[in-house]
Amino acid sequence: MNFETDGERFPGYDIVLKQRGRGRWKWAVCGAGGEALMSGSECSRAAARYRAERALFLLLCANASRATSAAGRHTDGL
């Protein structure tokens, strides 16, 4: 039997927004350990938040796709 905790099955991610200088915002998507997985900068806070949430969505999609293929659910050739 394989006993996994929720932290192992569902990794946690955080979005960090920081203002850097005048009219510049840096964003980052960080893993549970605090390391930046994706990052960038934008000219407005709204744009930085949008890009960070978009990056998080793409990261979650990639993880779900990887988990599905690793579980062997596509054995029927689809």
N, C-alpha and C. Protein backbone atom coordinates (compact mmCIF):
# COMPACT_ATOMS: atom_id res chain seq x y z
N MET A 1 0.84 -1.19 0.00
CA MET A 1 0.00 0.00 0.00
C MET A 1 0.88 1.25 0.00
N ASN A 2 0.38 2.26 -0.65
CA ASN A 2 1.11 3.50 -0.74
C ASN A 2 0.32 4.59 -0.01
N PHE A 3 0.86 5.04 1.11
CA PHE A 3 0.20 6.09 1.88
C PHE A 3 0.88 7.41 1.59
N GLU A 4 0.13 8.33 1.03
CA GLU A 4 0.65 9.66 0.71
C GLU A 4 -0.09 10.69 1.54
N THR A 5 0.63 11.71 1.95
CA THR A 5 -0.03 12.82 2.62
C THR A 5 -0.57 13.77 1.56
N ASP A 6 -1.43 14.67 1.95
CA ASP A 6 -1.98 15.64 1.00
C ASP A 6 -0.88 16.51 0.41
N GLY A 7 0.17 16.79 1.19
CA GLY A 7 1.27 17.60 0.68
C GLY A 7 2.03 16.93 -0.44
N GLU A 8 2.09 15.62 -0.43
CA GLU A 8 2.77 14.90 -1.50
C GLU A 8 1.89 14.79 -2.74
N ARG A 9 0.59 14.63 -2.56
CA ARG A 9 -0.32 14.49 -3.69
C ARG A 9 -0.67 15.82 -4.31
N PHE A 10 -0.80 16.85 -3.49
CA PHE A 10 -1.22 18.17 -3.95
C PHE A 10 -0.19 19.21 -3.52
N PRO A 11 0.80 19.48 -4.35
CA PRO A 11 1.81 20.47 -3.95
C PRO A 11 1.19 21.86 -3.85
N GLY A 12 1.70 22.65 -2.94
CA GLY A 12 1.19 24.00 -2.74
C GLY A 12 2.00 25.02 -3.52
N TYR A 13 1.33 26.03 -4.01
CA TYR A 13 1.98 27.10 -4.77
C TYR A 13 1.49 28.44 -4.22
N ASP A 14 2.34 29.43 -4.29
CA ASP A 14 2.00 30.79 -3.87
C ASP A 14 2.31 31.76 -5.00
N ILE A 15 1.52 32.82 -5.08
CA ILE A 15 1.78 33.92 -6.02
C ILE A 15 2.29 35.09 -5.21
N VAL A 16 3.42 35.65 -5.64
CA VAL A 16 4.03 36.78 -4.95
C VAL A 16 4.10 37.96 -5.91
N LEU A 17 3.59 39.11 -5.48
CA LEU A 17 3.66 40.35 -6.26
C LEU A 17 4.46 41.38 -5.45
N LYS A 18 5.45 42.01 -6.08
CA LYS A 18 6.25 43.03 -5.40
C LYS A 18 6.44 44.21 -6.33
N GLN A 19 6.29 45.40 -5.76
CA GLN A 19 6.54 46.60 -6.55
C GLN A 19 8.03 46.89 -6.55
N ARG A 20 8.58 47.06 -7.73
CA ARG A 20 10.01 47.33 -7.89
C ARG A 20 10.18 48.62 -8.68
N GLY A 21 10.51 49.65 -7.97
CA GLY A 21 10.67 50.94 -8.63
C GLY A 21 9.33 51.59 -8.93
N ARG A 22 9.41 52.59 -9.76
CA ARG A 22 8.21 53.35 -10.07
C ARG A 22 7.50 52.73 -11.27
N GLY A 23 6.30 52.23 -11.04
CA GLY A 23 5.50 51.68 -12.12
C GLY A 23 5.98 50.34 -12.63
N ARG A 24 6.68 49.57 -11.83
CA ARG A 24 7.15 48.25 -12.24
C ARG A 24 6.79 47.24 -11.17
N TRP A 25 6.21 46.12 -11.58
CA TRP A 25 5.79 45.07 -10.66
C TRP A 25 6.45 43.75 -11.06
N LYS A 26 7.03 43.08 -10.10
CA LYS A 26 7.59 41.75 -10.32
C LYS A 26 6.62 40.73 -9.74
N TRP A 27 6.48 39.61 -10.45
CA TRP A 27 5.61 38.54 -9.97
C TRP A 27 6.40 37.24 -9.99
N ALA A 28 5.97 36.30 -9.13
CA ALA A 28 6.60 34.99 -9.08
C ALA A 28 5.58 33.97 -8.60
N VAL A 29 5.67 32.76 -9.14
CA VAL A 29 4.91 31.62 -8.64
C VAL A 29 5.93 30.76 -7.91
N CYS A 30 5.73 30.60 -6.60
CA CYS A 30 6.67 29.88 -5.76
C CYS A 30 6.10 28.54 -5.34
N GLY A 31 7.00 27.56 -5.20
CA GLY A 31 6.62 26.24 -4.72
C GLY A 31 6.50 26.22 -3.21
N ALA A 32 6.19 25.06 -2.66
CA ALA A 32 5.99 24.92 -1.22
C ALA A 32 7.26 25.25 -0.44
N GLY A 33 8.43 25.01 -1.03
CA GLY A 33 9.69 25.30 -0.37
C GLY A 33 10.12 26.75 -0.47
N GLY A 34 9.39 27.57 -1.20
CA GLY A 34 9.71 28.99 -1.35
C GLY A 34 10.53 29.31 -2.58
N GLU A 35 10.89 28.30 -3.38
CA GLU A 35 11.68 28.56 -4.59
C GLU A 35 10.77 29.07 -5.69
N ALA A 36 11.26 30.02 -6.47
CA ALA A 36 10.49 30.59 -7.57
C ALA A 36 10.51 29.62 -8.75
N LEU A 37 9.33 29.18 -9.18
CA LEU A 37 9.21 28.27 -10.30
C LEU A 37 9.04 29.02 -11.61
N MET A 38 8.33 30.14 -11.57
CA MET A 38 8.13 31.00 -12.73
C MET A 38 8.13 32.44 -12.22
N SER A 39 8.64 33.35 -13.03
CA SER A 39 8.67 34.75 -12.60
C SER A 39 8.69 35.67 -13.82
N GLY A 40 8.43 36.94 -13.57
CA GLY A 40 8.43 37.93 -14.62
C GLY A 40 8.17 39.30 -14.06
N SER A 41 8.03 40.30 -14.93
CA SER A 41 7.71 41.65 -14.47
C SER A 41 6.78 42.31 -15.48
N GLU A 42 5.98 43.21 -14.96
CA GLU A 42 4.98 43.92 -15.77
C GLU A 42 4.94 45.38 -15.34
N CYS A 43 4.26 46.18 -16.15
CA CYS A 43 4.18 47.62 -15.88
C CYS A 43 3.06 48.01 -14.92
N SER A 44 2.08 47.14 -14.73
CA SER A 44 1.01 47.45 -13.79
C SER A 44 0.75 46.26 -12.88
N ARG A 45 0.17 46.56 -11.73
CA ARG A 45 -0.13 45.49 -10.77
C ARG A 45 -1.15 44.52 -11.34
N ALA A 46 -2.15 45.04 -12.02
CA ALA A 46 -3.18 44.18 -12.61
C ALA A 46 -2.57 43.22 -13.65
N ALA A 47 -1.67 43.73 -14.47
CA ALA A 47 -1.03 42.89 -15.47
C ALA A 47 -0.14 41.84 -14.82
N ALA A 48 0.57 42.23 -13.76
CA ALA A 48 1.42 41.28 -13.05
C ALA A 48 0.60 40.18 -12.39
N ARG A 49 -0.52 40.57 -11.82
CA ARG A 49 -1.40 39.56 -11.20
C ARG A 49 -1.97 38.61 -12.25
N TYR A 50 -2.38 39.15 -13.38
CA TYR A 50 -2.91 38.32 -14.46
C TYR A 50 -1.86 37.33 -14.94
N ARG A 51 -0.64 37.80 -15.18
CA ARG A 51 0.43 36.92 -15.67
C ARG A 51 0.78 35.85 -14.64
N ALA A 52 0.80 36.22 -13.36
CA ALA A 52 1.10 35.25 -12.31
C ALA A 52 0.02 34.18 -12.22
N GLU A 53 -1.24 34.60 -12.28
CA GLU A 53 -2.34 33.62 -12.23
C GLU A 53 -2.36 32.75 -13.47
N ARG A 54 -2.01 33.30 -14.61
CA ARG A 54 -1.93 32.51 -15.85
C ARG A 54 -0.80 31.48 -15.76
N ALA A 55 0.34 31.89 -15.22
CA ALA A 55 1.47 30.97 -15.05
C ALA A 55 1.10 29.85 -14.07
N LEU A 56 0.39 30.19 -13.00
CA LEU A 56 -0.05 29.18 -12.04
C LEU A 56 -1.00 28.20 -12.70
N PHE A 57 -1.93 28.69 -13.51
CA PHE A 57 -2.86 27.82 -14.22
C PHE A 57 -2.12 26.86 -15.14
N LEU A 58 -1.16 27.37 -15.90
CA LEU A 58 -0.39 26.52 -16.80
C LEU A 58 0.43 25.48 -16.03
N LEU A 59 0.96 25.87 -14.88
CA LEU A 59 1.70 24.94 -14.04
C LEU A 59 0.80 23.83 -13.52
N LEU A 60 -0.39 24.18 -13.08
CA LEU A 60 -1.35 23.18 -12.59
C LEU A 60 -1.81 22.26 -13.71
N CYS A 61 -2.01 22.80 -14.90
CA CYS A 61 -2.39 21.97 -16.05
C CYS A 61 -1.29 20.98 -16.39
N ALA A 62 -0.06 21.43 -16.36
CA ALA A 62 1.07 20.54 -16.67
C ALA A 62 1.18 19.44 -15.64
N ASN A 63 0.98 19.77 -14.36
CA ASN A 63 1.03 18.75 -13.31
C ASN A 63 -0.09 17.75 -13.45
N ALA A 64 -1.28 18.20 -13.79
CA ALA A 64 -2.42 17.29 -13.96
C ALA A 64 -2.20 16.38 -15.15
N SER A 65 -1.65 16.92 -16.22
CA SER A 65 -1.38 16.12 -17.40
C SER A 65 -0.32 15.06 -17.11
N ARG A 66 0.71 15.44 -16.37
CA ARG A 66 1.78 14.52 -16.02
C ARG A 66 1.25 13.42 -15.10
N ALA A 67 0.38 13.77 -14.15
CA ALA A 67 -0.17 12.78 -13.23
C ALA A 67 -1.07 11.79 -13.96
N THR A 68 -1.83 12.29 -14.93
CA THR A 68 -2.72 11.42 -15.70
C THR A 68 -1.93 10.43 -16.53
N SER A 69 -0.87 10.89 -17.19
CA SER A 69 -0.08 10.00 -18.04
C SER A 69 0.74 9.03 -17.19
N ALA A 70 1.15 9.44 -16.01
CA ALA A 70 1.92 8.55 -15.14
C ALA A 70 1.04 7.45 -14.55
N ALA A 71 -0.24 7.73 -14.39
CA ALA A 71 -1.15 6.75 -13.80
C ALA A 71 -1.53 5.68 -14.82
N GLY A 72 -1.22 5.89 -16.10
CA GLY A 72 -1.51 4.90 -17.12
C GLY A 72 -2.97 4.87 -17.52
N ARG A 73 -3.63 6.00 -17.47
CA ARG A 73 -5.06 6.04 -17.83
C ARG A 73 -5.27 6.02 -19.32
N HIS A 74 -4.24 6.24 -20.11
CA HIS A 74 -4.38 6.28 -21.56
C HIS A 74 -3.95 4.95 -22.18
N THR A 75 -4.38 3.85 -21.61
CA THR A 75 -3.98 2.55 -22.12
C THR A 75 -4.81 2.12 -23.32
N ASP A 76 -5.93 2.79 -23.60
CA ASP A 76 -6.78 2.39 -24.72
C ASP A 76 -6.37 3.05 -26.03
N GLY A 77 -5.28 3.82 -26.00
CA GLY A 77 -4.76 4.41 -27.22
C GLY A 77 -5.35 5.75 -27.57
N LEU A 78 -6.11 6.36 -26.71
CA LEU A 78 -6.69 7.68 -26.98
C LEU A 78 -5.74 8.78 -26.62
